[in-house]
Amino acid sequence: MKTRLGFVSNSSSSSFILAVPKNTVRLSVSVKTSVNLFGFVQEVLKTRKDVIDYFNAYFGDISECPEGWLNGCLDAIERGDDVFVGSVSDESGISEALLVDSDFVSDAEFNIDGIEVIHKEAGY
């Protein structure tokens, strides 16, 4: 059970980290509907330094970053992909039904477009 102190809202959210081929012009997922995620990307990491700087800032120390996240991002950069980091919430105009489903960002759906899911996390 989650216990929250302070302001509580009825919002839901999901986070994602994706390896995206350079020059990608469409970033959609299909879960009963199609959503263009470009508007929800908060960071685009293009170099190893970008990845290291991002995770150092996010975790306070890169050693706290889950190894799969770091290695997945670094591998993507090495392949020549960009790494998009972002999140969506029902407050950003995304259907709550998409956010409640923990499989909102499905590896199989993204692989069709050459997009690799490095990390996904369903909110509450």
N, C-alpha and C. Protein backbone atom coordinates (compact mmCIF):
# COMPACT_ATOMS: atom_id res chain seq x y z
N MET A 1 0.84 -1.18 0.00
CA MET A 1 0.00 0.00 0.00
C MET A 1 0.89 1.24 0.00
N LYS A 2 0.55 2.20 -0.84
CA LYS A 2 1.31 3.45 -0.90
C LYS A 2 0.71 4.45 0.06
N THR A 3 1.56 5.11 0.83
CA THR A 3 1.12 6.17 1.71
C THR A 3 1.76 7.46 1.24
N ARG A 4 0.95 8.48 1.04
CA ARG A 4 1.48 9.76 0.58
C ARG A 4 1.19 10.83 1.60
N LEU A 5 2.16 11.68 1.78
CA LEU A 5 1.98 12.86 2.63
C LEU A 5 1.90 14.07 1.72
N GLY A 6 1.16 15.07 2.12
CA GLY A 6 1.07 16.28 1.31
C GLY A 6 -0.03 16.18 0.28
N PHE A 7 0.11 16.94 -0.81
CA PHE A 7 -0.91 17.04 -1.84
C PHE A 7 -1.12 15.70 -2.52
N VAL A 8 -2.36 15.29 -2.64
CA VAL A 8 -2.72 14.04 -3.31
C VAL A 8 -3.69 14.39 -4.43
N SER A 9 -3.42 13.88 -5.61
CA SER A 9 -4.33 14.11 -6.73
C SER A 9 -4.83 12.78 -7.24
N ASN A 10 -5.75 12.84 -8.16
CA ASN A 10 -6.27 11.63 -8.78
C ASN A 10 -5.55 11.33 -10.09
N SER A 11 -4.36 11.86 -10.27
CA SER A 11 -3.66 11.67 -11.53
C SER A 11 -2.94 10.33 -11.58
N SER A 12 -2.70 9.87 -12.78
CA SER A 12 -1.94 8.66 -13.03
C SER A 12 -0.79 9.03 -13.95
N SER A 13 0.29 8.25 -13.91
CA SER A 13 1.41 8.56 -14.77
C SER A 13 2.17 7.30 -15.12
N SER A 14 2.97 7.38 -16.18
CA SER A 14 3.86 6.32 -16.60
C SER A 14 5.14 6.98 -17.09
N SER A 15 6.26 6.34 -16.89
CA SER A 15 7.55 6.86 -17.34
C SER A 15 8.14 5.90 -18.36
N PHE A 16 9.04 6.42 -19.18
CA PHE A 16 9.66 5.57 -20.18
C PHE A 16 11.04 6.08 -20.55
N ILE A 17 11.89 5.15 -20.98
CA ILE A 17 13.19 5.44 -21.60
C ILE A 17 13.22 4.57 -22.85
N LEU A 18 13.43 5.18 -24.02
CA LEU A 18 13.39 4.47 -25.29
C LEU A 18 14.65 4.73 -26.08
N ALA A 19 15.18 3.72 -26.76
CA ALA A 19 16.24 3.90 -27.74
C ALA A 19 15.54 4.08 -29.08
N VAL A 20 15.82 5.19 -29.76
CA VAL A 20 15.08 5.55 -30.96
C VAL A 20 16.06 5.79 -32.11
N PRO A 21 15.86 5.14 -33.25
CA PRO A 21 16.74 5.39 -34.39
C PRO A 21 16.75 6.88 -34.75
N LYS A 22 17.92 7.37 -35.12
CA LYS A 22 18.04 8.78 -35.51
C LYS A 22 17.03 9.09 -36.62
N ASN A 23 16.58 10.32 -36.64
CA ASN A 23 15.65 10.83 -37.65
C ASN A 23 14.27 10.18 -37.59
N THR A 24 13.92 9.58 -36.46
CA THR A 24 12.58 9.04 -36.28
C THR A 24 11.59 10.19 -36.31
N VAL A 25 10.53 10.05 -37.10
CA VAL A 25 9.55 11.13 -37.20
C VAL A 25 8.22 10.78 -36.56
N ARG A 26 8.04 9.53 -36.18
CA ARG A 26 6.79 9.12 -35.55
C ARG A 26 7.12 8.27 -34.34
N LEU A 27 6.52 8.57 -33.23
CA LEU A 27 6.78 7.84 -31.99
C LEU A 27 5.44 7.50 -31.37
N SER A 28 4.80 6.49 -31.93
CA SER A 28 3.45 6.12 -31.49
C SER A 28 3.43 4.72 -30.90
N VAL A 29 2.56 4.51 -29.95
CA VAL A 29 2.31 3.19 -29.40
C VAL A 29 0.83 2.89 -29.62
N SER A 30 0.50 1.63 -29.69
CA SER A 30 -0.90 1.25 -29.88
C SER A 30 -1.39 0.45 -28.69
N VAL A 31 -2.34 0.98 -28.01
CA VAL A 31 -3.05 0.30 -26.94
C VAL A 31 -4.49 0.77 -27.08
N LYS A 32 -5.24 0.12 -27.95
CA LYS A 32 -6.61 0.49 -28.29
C LYS A 32 -6.67 1.86 -28.97
N THR A 33 -5.59 2.58 -28.96
CA THR A 33 -5.51 3.87 -29.62
C THR A 33 -4.04 4.15 -29.90
N SER A 34 -3.75 5.14 -30.67
CA SER A 34 -2.36 5.49 -30.99
C SER A 34 -2.06 6.86 -30.37
N VAL A 35 -0.92 6.95 -29.71
CA VAL A 35 -0.53 8.18 -29.04
C VAL A 35 0.85 8.58 -29.51
N ASN A 36 1.00 9.80 -29.97
CA ASN A 36 2.31 10.30 -30.36
C ASN A 36 3.04 10.77 -29.10
N LEU A 37 4.11 10.08 -28.73
CA LEU A 37 4.83 10.38 -27.49
C LEU A 37 5.81 11.55 -27.62
N PHE A 38 6.04 12.07 -28.82
CA PHE A 38 7.00 13.16 -28.96
C PHE A 38 6.71 14.32 -28.02
N GLY A 39 5.45 14.63 -27.80
CA GLY A 39 5.09 15.74 -26.93
C GLY A 39 5.38 15.49 -25.46
N PHE A 40 5.72 14.26 -25.11
CA PHE A 40 5.96 13.89 -23.71
C PHE A 40 7.42 13.57 -23.42
N VAL A 41 8.27 13.74 -24.43
CA VAL A 41 9.70 13.51 -24.26
C VAL A 41 10.28 14.72 -23.53
N GLN A 42 10.96 14.46 -22.41
CA GLN A 42 11.52 15.54 -21.61
C GLN A 42 13.01 15.74 -21.84
N GLU A 43 13.70 14.69 -22.23
CA GLU A 43 15.13 14.76 -22.50
C GLU A 43 15.45 13.91 -23.72
N VAL A 44 16.34 14.39 -24.59
CA VAL A 44 16.87 13.59 -25.68
C VAL A 44 18.38 13.47 -25.44
N LEU A 45 18.83 12.24 -25.25
CA LEU A 45 20.24 11.98 -24.96
C LEU A 45 20.89 11.47 -26.23
N LYS A 46 21.93 12.16 -26.69
CA LYS A 46 22.54 11.84 -27.98
C LYS A 46 23.96 11.31 -27.85
N THR A 47 24.58 11.49 -26.69
CA THR A 47 25.97 11.06 -26.52
C THR A 47 26.12 10.30 -25.20
N ARG A 48 27.25 9.59 -25.05
CA ARG A 48 27.54 8.90 -23.80
C ARG A 48 27.56 9.91 -22.65
N LYS A 49 28.14 11.09 -22.91
CA LYS A 49 28.21 12.12 -21.88
C LYS A 49 26.80 12.57 -21.46
N ASP A 50 25.90 12.72 -22.44
CA ASP A 50 24.51 13.08 -22.13
C ASP A 50 23.89 12.05 -21.18
N VAL A 51 24.10 10.76 -21.48
CA VAL A 51 23.53 9.68 -20.66
C VAL A 51 24.10 9.74 -19.25
N ILE A 52 25.40 9.84 -19.14
CA ILE A 52 26.06 9.86 -17.83
C ILE A 52 25.64 11.09 -17.04
N ASP A 53 25.61 12.24 -17.69
CA ASP A 53 25.19 13.48 -17.01
C ASP A 53 23.73 13.38 -16.55
N TYR A 54 22.86 12.83 -17.40
CA TYR A 54 21.44 12.71 -17.05
C TYR A 54 21.27 11.83 -15.81
N PHE A 55 21.89 10.65 -15.81
CA PHE A 55 21.70 9.74 -14.68
C PHE A 55 22.41 10.23 -13.41
N ASN A 56 23.53 10.92 -13.57
CA ASN A 56 24.16 11.53 -12.39
C ASN A 56 23.23 12.55 -11.77
N ALA A 57 22.59 13.36 -12.60
CA ALA A 57 21.66 14.38 -12.08
C ALA A 57 20.40 13.72 -11.51
N TYR A 58 19.88 12.71 -12.19
CA TYR A 58 18.63 12.07 -11.78
C TYR A 58 18.79 11.31 -10.47
N PHE A 59 19.87 10.57 -10.34
CA PHE A 59 20.07 9.74 -9.15
C PHE A 59 20.99 10.39 -8.11
N GLY A 60 21.66 11.47 -8.48
CA GLY A 60 22.61 12.10 -7.56
C GLY A 60 23.98 11.45 -7.63
N ASP A 61 24.02 10.21 -8.09
CA ASP A 61 25.26 9.45 -8.26
C ASP A 61 24.95 8.33 -9.24
N ILE A 62 25.70 8.25 -10.31
CA ILE A 62 25.41 7.27 -11.36
C ILE A 62 25.46 5.84 -10.85
N SER A 63 26.17 5.61 -9.75
CA SER A 63 26.24 4.25 -9.20
C SER A 63 24.87 3.78 -8.67
N GLU A 64 23.95 4.71 -8.46
CA GLU A 64 22.61 4.38 -8.01
C GLU A 64 21.67 4.02 -9.16
N CYS A 65 22.11 4.28 -10.40
CA CYS A 65 21.29 3.99 -11.58
C CYS A 65 21.23 2.49 -11.80
N PRO A 66 20.03 1.94 -12.01
CA PRO A 66 19.95 0.52 -12.33
C PRO A 66 20.81 0.19 -13.55
N GLU A 67 21.58 -0.88 -13.44
CA GLU A 67 22.54 -1.24 -14.48
C GLU A 67 21.88 -1.41 -15.85
N GLY A 68 20.69 -1.99 -15.88
CA GLY A 68 19.99 -2.19 -17.15
C GLY A 68 19.65 -0.89 -17.85
N TRP A 69 19.28 0.12 -17.07
CA TRP A 69 18.96 1.43 -17.66
C TRP A 69 20.21 2.03 -18.29
N LEU A 70 21.29 2.08 -17.50
CA LEU A 70 22.53 2.69 -17.98
C LEU A 70 23.07 1.94 -19.19
N ASN A 71 23.20 0.63 -19.07
CA ASN A 71 23.75 -0.15 -20.18
C ASN A 71 22.87 -0.08 -21.41
N GLY A 72 21.55 -0.13 -21.20
CA GLY A 72 20.63 -0.03 -22.33
C GLY A 72 20.79 1.28 -23.07
N CYS A 73 20.92 2.37 -22.33
CA CYS A 73 21.09 3.69 -22.94
C CYS A 73 22.44 3.80 -23.65
N LEU A 74 23.50 3.34 -22.99
CA LEU A 74 24.83 3.42 -23.59
C LEU A 74 24.92 2.54 -24.84
N ASP A 75 24.32 1.36 -24.80
CA ASP A 75 24.30 0.49 -25.98
C ASP A 75 23.56 1.16 -27.13
N ALA A 76 22.45 1.82 -26.82
CA ALA A 76 21.68 2.51 -27.85
C ALA A 76 22.50 3.62 -28.50
N ILE A 77 23.18 4.41 -27.69
CA ILE A 77 24.03 5.49 -28.21
C ILE A 77 25.12 4.91 -29.10
N GLU A 78 25.72 3.80 -28.65
CA GLU A 78 26.78 3.15 -29.42
C GLU A 78 26.26 2.67 -30.78
N ARG A 79 24.99 2.22 -30.84
CA ARG A 79 24.37 1.79 -32.10
C ARG A 79 24.03 2.97 -33.00
N GLY A 80 24.09 4.18 -32.46
CA GLY A 80 23.73 5.36 -33.24
C GLY A 80 22.31 5.84 -33.02
N ASP A 81 21.62 5.26 -32.02
CA ASP A 81 20.26 5.71 -31.70
C ASP A 81 20.30 6.91 -30.75
N ASP A 82 19.22 7.65 -30.71
CA ASP A 82 19.00 8.65 -29.68
C ASP A 82 18.23 7.98 -28.56
N VAL A 83 18.32 8.51 -27.35
CA VAL A 83 17.58 7.99 -26.20
C VAL A 83 16.60 9.07 -25.75
N PHE A 84 15.32 8.74 -25.75
CA PHE A 84 14.28 9.66 -25.32
C PHE A 84 13.84 9.28 -23.92
N VAL A 85 13.77 10.25 -23.03
CA VAL A 85 13.30 10.05 -21.66
C VAL A 85 12.08 10.93 -21.47
N GLY A 86 11.02 10.37 -20.94
CA GLY A 86 9.83 11.17 -20.75
C GLY A 86 8.82 10.49 -19.87
N SER A 87 7.69 11.13 -19.72
CA SER A 87 6.60 10.56 -18.95
C SER A 87 5.29 11.13 -19.46
N VAL A 88 4.23 10.40 -19.17
CA VAL A 88 2.89 10.85 -19.51
C VAL A 88 2.02 10.71 -18.27
N SER A 89 0.98 11.49 -18.22
CA SER A 89 0.03 11.39 -17.11
C SER A 89 -1.35 11.73 -17.64
N ASP A 90 -2.35 11.39 -16.86
CA ASP A 90 -3.70 11.74 -17.30
C ASP A 90 -3.89 13.25 -17.31
N GLU A 91 -3.05 13.97 -16.58
CA GLU A 91 -3.12 15.43 -16.59
C GLU A 91 -2.56 16.01 -17.88
N SER A 92 -1.82 15.19 -18.67
CA SER A 92 -1.25 15.67 -19.92
C SER A 92 -2.10 15.31 -21.13
N GLY A 93 -3.32 14.86 -20.88
CA GLY A 93 -4.25 14.60 -21.97
C GLY A 93 -4.24 13.17 -22.46
N ILE A 94 -3.52 12.28 -21.81
CA ILE A 94 -3.50 10.87 -22.19
C ILE A 94 -4.62 10.16 -21.46
N SER A 95 -5.28 9.26 -22.14
CA SER A 95 -6.36 8.50 -21.53
C SER A 95 -5.87 7.74 -20.31
N GLU A 96 -6.60 7.83 -19.22
CA GLU A 96 -6.23 7.12 -18.00
C GLU A 96 -6.16 5.62 -18.24
N ALA A 97 -6.95 5.10 -19.16
CA ALA A 97 -6.93 3.66 -19.45
C ALA A 97 -5.56 3.22 -19.92
N LEU A 98 -4.85 4.08 -20.66
CA LEU A 98 -3.51 3.73 -21.12
C LEU A 98 -2.53 3.68 -19.96
N LEU A 99 -2.72 4.56 -19.00
CA LEU A 99 -1.77 4.68 -17.90
C LEU A 99 -1.96 3.62 -16.84
N VAL A 100 -3.17 3.16 -16.66
CA VAL A 100 -3.45 2.16 -15.64
C VAL A 100 -2.88 0.81 -16.06
N ASP A 101 -2.84 0.55 -17.36
CA ASP A 101 -2.32 -0.71 -17.87
C ASP A 101 -0.80 -0.73 -17.74
N SER A 102 -0.26 -1.64 -16.93
CA SER A 102 1.19 -1.68 -16.71
C SER A 102 1.94 -2.08 -17.97
N ASP A 103 1.24 -2.61 -18.98
CA ASP A 103 1.88 -2.95 -20.24
C ASP A 103 1.66 -1.86 -21.27
N PHE A 104 1.40 -0.65 -20.82
CA PHE A 104 1.16 0.51 -21.70
C PHE A 104 2.25 0.64 -22.75
N VAL A 105 3.49 0.47 -22.35
CA VAL A 105 4.61 0.53 -23.28
C VAL A 105 5.10 -0.90 -23.47
N SER A 106 4.69 -1.54 -24.54
CA SER A 106 5.00 -2.95 -24.78
C SER A 106 6.18 -3.09 -25.72
N ASP A 107 7.14 -3.92 -25.35
CA ASP A 107 8.32 -4.13 -26.19
C ASP A 107 7.92 -4.56 -27.61
N ALA A 108 7.01 -5.49 -27.72
CA ALA A 108 6.63 -6.01 -29.03
C ALA A 108 6.07 -4.91 -29.93
N GLU A 109 5.23 -4.05 -29.38
CA GLU A 109 4.64 -2.99 -30.19
C GLU A 109 5.71 -2.02 -30.70
N PHE A 110 6.70 -1.73 -29.88
CA PHE A 110 7.74 -0.80 -30.30
C PHE A 110 8.73 -1.43 -31.27
N ASN A 111 9.00 -2.74 -31.12
CA ASN A 111 9.95 -3.39 -32.01
C ASN A 111 9.52 -3.33 -33.46
N ILE A 112 8.24 -3.26 -33.71
CA ILE A 112 7.74 -3.13 -35.08
C ILE A 112 8.33 -1.89 -35.73
N ASP A 113 8.46 -0.82 -34.97
CA ASP A 113 8.97 0.44 -35.49
C ASP A 113 10.47 0.60 -35.25
N GLY A 114 11.16 -0.43 -34.77
CA GLY A 114 12.59 -0.33 -34.51
C GLY A 114 12.91 0.40 -33.23
N ILE A 115 11.94 0.52 -32.33
CA ILE A 115 12.14 1.23 -31.07
C ILE A 115 12.29 0.21 -29.97
N GLU A 116 13.32 0.36 -29.14
CA GLU A 116 13.59 -0.54 -28.03
C GLU A 116 13.17 0.11 -26.73
N VAL A 117 12.40 -0.59 -25.92
CA VAL A 117 12.03 -0.09 -24.61
C VAL A 117 13.15 -0.44 -23.63
N ILE A 118 13.81 0.56 -23.09
CA ILE A 118 14.88 0.35 -22.12
C ILE A 118 14.30 0.25 -20.72
N HIS A 119 13.30 1.06 -20.44
CA HIS A 119 12.66 1.04 -19.12
C HIS A 119 11.24 1.54 -19.26
N LYS A 120 10.33 0.93 -18.52
CA LYS A 120 8.96 1.43 -18.44
C LYS A 120 8.49 1.25 -17.01
N GLU A 121 7.65 2.13 -16.58
CA GLU A 121 7.15 2.08 -15.21
C GLU A 121 5.76 2.66 -15.17
N ALA A 122 4.81 1.85 -14.78
CA ALA A 122 3.44 2.32 -14.65
C ALA A 122 3.30 3.09 -13.34
N GLY A 123 2.55 4.13 -13.37
CA GLY A 123 2.32 4.94 -12.17
C GLY A 123 1.12 4.44 -11.39
N TYR A 124 0.52 5.35 -10.69
CA TYR A 124 -0.64 5.02 -9.86
C TYR A 124 -1.73 6.02 -10.09
